[in-house]
Amino acid sequence: MELTATLPHMDLVERCKQGDTACFRKLYDLYSKAMFNTSYRILNDFTEAEDVLQESFIDAYRHLDSFGSRSSFGSWLKQIVVNKSINVLRKRKLQTVDIDFTMAAEVPDEKGPDEQEIQYKVEEVKKAIQQLPDGYRTVLSLYLLEGYDHEEISQILQLAESTVRTQYMRAKQKLIHIIKTGGTHV
């Protein structure tokens, strides 16, 4: 007896491809909360995240034929959500600075505060993340919460990998500062 690994919800996807709209509603119910959270963490705006969610599902439905079974439906849909969220940020004129090697020397090489000492409730950390500027919040969310590596983030945001690393480091330092000061002097 051979065991084969099947990707989650592939039967629903296949039925959707055959025109079963009720199955697409099931996919929406299964994935909408997680996809909304992904978009919201990037955009920090409830209404925009809702819009991205709806547009992402519409695009997914229209392009189901291009979905292959190389990845799960969830990861394919998540990529759509992340890309659409990034596009919204770009429309907001995402402000990041491309750092060349000469500017990299300006970043202090000191060790920041001991992150192990900082143990706050999840809600306090979420509030602190929401206070970060768009660029910092985006890189931090994609890296820490969505699991993308620096190279993938650089491709998504169309930035140099060194810029992404610097943005991440600065976002982390600013987040620690926000948490330590209770959000004052942001």
Protein backbone atom coordinates (compact mmCIF):
# COMPACT_ATOMS: atom_id res chain seq x y z
CA MET A 1 0.00 0.00 0.00
CA GLU A 2 1.56 3.26 -1.13
CA LEU A 3 0.99 6.43 0.85
CA THR A 4 0.68 9.57 -1.17
CA ALA A 5 0.70 13.02 0.29
CA THR A 6 -2.17 15.14 -0.94
CA LEU A 7 -2.24 18.85 -0.60
CA PRO A 8 -5.00 20.23 1.62
CA HIS A 9 -8.29 21.02 -0.07
CA MET A 10 -7.19 19.94 -3.56
CA ASP A 11 -10.55 18.23 -4.05
CA LEU A 12 -12.31 21.57 -3.47
CA VAL A 13 -9.95 23.31 -5.89
CA GLU A 14 -10.57 20.70 -8.57
CA ARG A 15 -14.33 21.03 -8.14
CA CYS A 16 -14.00 24.82 -8.39
CA LYS A 17 -12.10 24.43 -11.65
CA GLN A 18 -15.10 22.46 -12.92
CA GLY A 19 -17.39 25.38 -12.10
CA ASP A 20 -18.68 24.46 -8.63
CA THR A 21 -19.02 27.91 -7.00
CA ALA A 22 -20.23 26.42 -3.69
CA CYS A 23 -16.78 24.83 -3.31
CA PHE A 24 -15.14 28.19 -3.84
CA ARG A 25 -17.28 29.55 -1.00
CA LYS A 26 -15.92 26.73 1.17
CA LEU A 27 -12.37 27.70 0.20
CA TYR A 28 -13.18 31.29 1.10
CA ASP A 29 -14.50 30.22 4.49
CA LEU A 30 -11.40 28.11 5.11
CA TYR A 31 -8.80 30.73 4.12
CA SER A 32 -10.35 34.19 4.48
CA LYS A 33 -9.42 34.82 8.12
CA ALA A 34 -5.76 33.84 7.67
CA MET A 35 -5.47 35.82 4.44
CA PHE A 36 -7.10 38.89 6.02
CA ASN A 37 -4.63 38.68 8.92
CA THR A 38 -1.71 38.45 6.51
CA SER A 39 -2.85 41.54 4.64
CA TYR A 40 -3.70 43.45 7.82
CA ARG A 41 -0.25 42.82 9.30
CA ILE A 42 1.30 44.32 6.19
CA LEU A 43 -1.10 47.22 5.65
CA ASN A 44 -2.15 48.07 9.20
CA ASP A 45 -5.48 49.24 7.81
CA PHE A 46 -8.67 47.23 8.29
CA THR A 47 -10.52 48.56 5.25
CA GLU A 48 -7.58 48.16 2.88
CA ALA A 49 -6.99 44.63 4.18
CA GLU A 50 -10.63 43.77 3.52
CA ASP A 51 -10.32 45.15 -0.02
CA VAL A 52 -7.14 43.16 -0.64
CA LEU A 53 -8.83 40.03 0.67
CA GLN A 54 -11.76 40.40 -1.70
CA GLU A 55 -9.60 41.28 -4.70
CA SER A 56 -7.30 38.34 -3.96
CA PHE A 57 -10.14 35.85 -3.91
CA ILE A 58 -11.57 37.30 -7.11
CA ASP A 59 -8.17 36.97 -8.80
CA ALA A 60 -7.74 33.45 -7.42
CA TYR A 61 -11.14 32.45 -8.80
CA ARG A 62 -10.41 33.99 -12.21
CA HIS A 63 -7.00 32.31 -12.42
CA LEU A 64 -7.76 28.91 -10.91
CA ASP A 65 -6.70 27.30 -14.17
CA SER A 66 -3.18 28.62 -13.65
CA PHE A 67 -2.99 27.08 -10.18
CA GLY A 68 -0.87 23.97 -10.30
CA SER A 69 -0.52 21.34 -7.65
CA ARG A 70 3.15 22.24 -7.03
CA SER A 71 2.08 24.07 -3.89
CA SER A 72 -0.95 24.18 -1.67
CA PHE A 73 -3.86 26.42 -2.52
CA GLY A 74 -3.19 28.30 0.71
CA SER A 75 0.38 29.19 -0.19
CA TRP A 76 -0.65 30.17 -3.72
CA LEU A 77 -3.42 32.39 -2.36
CA LYS A 78 -1.10 33.85 0.28
CA GLN A 79 1.32 34.92 -2.44
CA ILE A 80 -1.54 36.73 -4.19
CA VAL A 81 -2.52 38.45 -0.92
CA VAL A 82 1.06 39.48 -0.14
CA ASN A 83 1.60 40.87 -3.64
CA LYS A 84 -1.67 42.82 -3.59
CA SER A 85 -0.87 44.19 -0.12
CA ILE A 86 2.56 45.30 -1.31
CA ASN A 87 0.94 47.01 -4.30
CA VAL A 88 -1.34 48.95 -1.94
CA LEU A 89 1.72 50.04 0.03
CA ARG A 90 3.41 51.13 -3.17
CA LYS A 91 0.40 53.25 -4.00
CA ARG A 92 0.87 54.85 -0.59
CA LYS A 93 4.42 55.58 -1.76
CA LEU A 94 6.26 53.11 0.45
CA GLN A 95 9.27 55.01 1.69
CA THR A 96 12.38 52.88 1.94
CA VAL A 97 15.87 53.99 1.24
CA ASP A 98 18.16 51.84 -0.87
CA ILE A 99 21.34 51.57 1.14
CA ASP A 100 24.66 51.19 -0.56
CA PHE A 101 27.82 49.96 1.08
CA THR A 102 28.95 53.42 2.15
CA MET A 103 25.77 54.01 4.14
CA ALA A 104 25.95 50.60 5.76
CA ALA A 105 28.80 51.90 7.90
CA GLU A 106 26.39 54.37 9.50
CA VAL A 107 24.41 51.56 11.14
CA PRO A 108 25.72 51.06 14.67
CA ASP A 109 27.37 47.73 15.26
CA GLU A 110 26.34 47.73 18.90
CA LYS A 111 24.26 45.01 20.39
CA GLY A 112 20.75 46.19 21.06
CA PRO A 113 18.88 45.52 24.23
CA ASP A 114 18.57 41.90 25.30
CA GLU A 115 15.42 40.78 23.58
CA GLN A 116 15.02 37.87 26.00
CA GLU A 117 14.28 40.36 28.78
CA ILE A 118 11.37 41.83 26.87
CA GLN A 119 8.35 39.65 27.52
CA TYR A 120 5.13 41.46 26.86
CA LYS A 121 1.64 40.32 26.15
CA VAL A 122 0.78 39.59 22.54
CA GLU A 123 -1.61 42.53 22.32
CA GLU A 124 1.06 44.99 23.41
CA VAL A 125 3.45 43.69 20.76
CA LYS A 126 0.72 43.89 18.09
CA LYS A 127 0.01 47.49 19.04
CA ALA A 128 3.72 48.29 18.89
CA ILE A 129 4.02 46.69 15.43
CA GLN A 130 1.09 48.81 14.23
CA GLN A 131 3.02 51.94 15.22
CA LEU A 132 5.93 51.10 12.91
CA PRO A 133 6.27 52.99 9.63
CA ASP A 134 4.92 51.08 6.61
CA GLY A 135 8.30 49.95 5.32
CA TYR A 136 9.51 48.66 8.68
CA ARG A 137 6.18 46.97 9.47
CA THR A 138 6.08 45.30 6.07
CA VAL A 139 9.58 43.83 6.24
CA LEU A 140 9.15 42.77 9.88
CA SER A 141 5.77 41.14 9.18
CA LEU A 142 6.96 39.31 6.09
CA TYR A 143 10.05 38.02 7.89
CA LEU A 144 8.80 37.22 11.39
CA LEU A 145 5.12 36.52 10.87
CA GLU A 146 4.87 35.23 7.31
CA GLY A 147 8.14 33.27 7.26
CA TYR A 148 9.74 34.78 4.17
CA ASP A 149 13.53 35.05 4.12
CA HIS A 150 15.40 38.24 3.24
CA GLU A 151 15.99 37.17 -0.36
CA GLU A 152 12.29 36.45 -0.92
CA ILE A 153 11.31 39.75 0.67
CA SER A 154 13.78 41.62 -1.53
CA GLN A 155 12.16 40.05 -4.60
CA ILE A 156 8.62 40.81 -3.40
CA LEU A 157 9.43 44.43 -2.54
CA GLN A 158 11.87 44.86 -5.43
CA LEU A 159 14.62 46.11 -3.10
CA ALA A 160 18.23 45.14 -2.63
CA GLU A 161 18.66 42.31 -0.13
CA SER A 162 20.98 44.53 1.94
CA THR A 163 18.19 47.11 2.15
CA VAL A 164 15.76 44.47 3.38
CA ARG A 165 18.23 43.30 6.03
CA THR A 166 18.81 46.88 7.18
CA GLN A 167 15.08 47.63 7.20
CA TYR A 168 14.49 44.50 9.28
CA MET A 169 17.24 45.39 11.75
CA ARG A 170 15.97 48.95 12.12
CA ALA A 171 12.37 47.76 12.43
CA LYS A 172 13.38 45.40 15.20
CA GLN A 173 15.26 48.18 17.03
CA LYS A 174 12.34 50.60 16.64
CA LEU A 175 9.89 47.94 17.82
CA ILE A 176 11.97 47.34 20.93
CA HIS A 177 12.11 51.09 21.54
CA ILE A 178 8.33 51.41 21.17
CA ILE A 179 7.75 48.54 23.58
CA LYS A 180 10.22 49.83 26.17
CA THR A 181 8.86 53.37 26.08
CA GLY A 182 5.22 52.34 25.93
CA GLY A 183 4.78 53.93 22.51
CA THR A 184 6.03 57.35 23.48
CA HIS A 185 8.59 59.30 21.43
CA VAL A 186 7.91 57.22 18.32
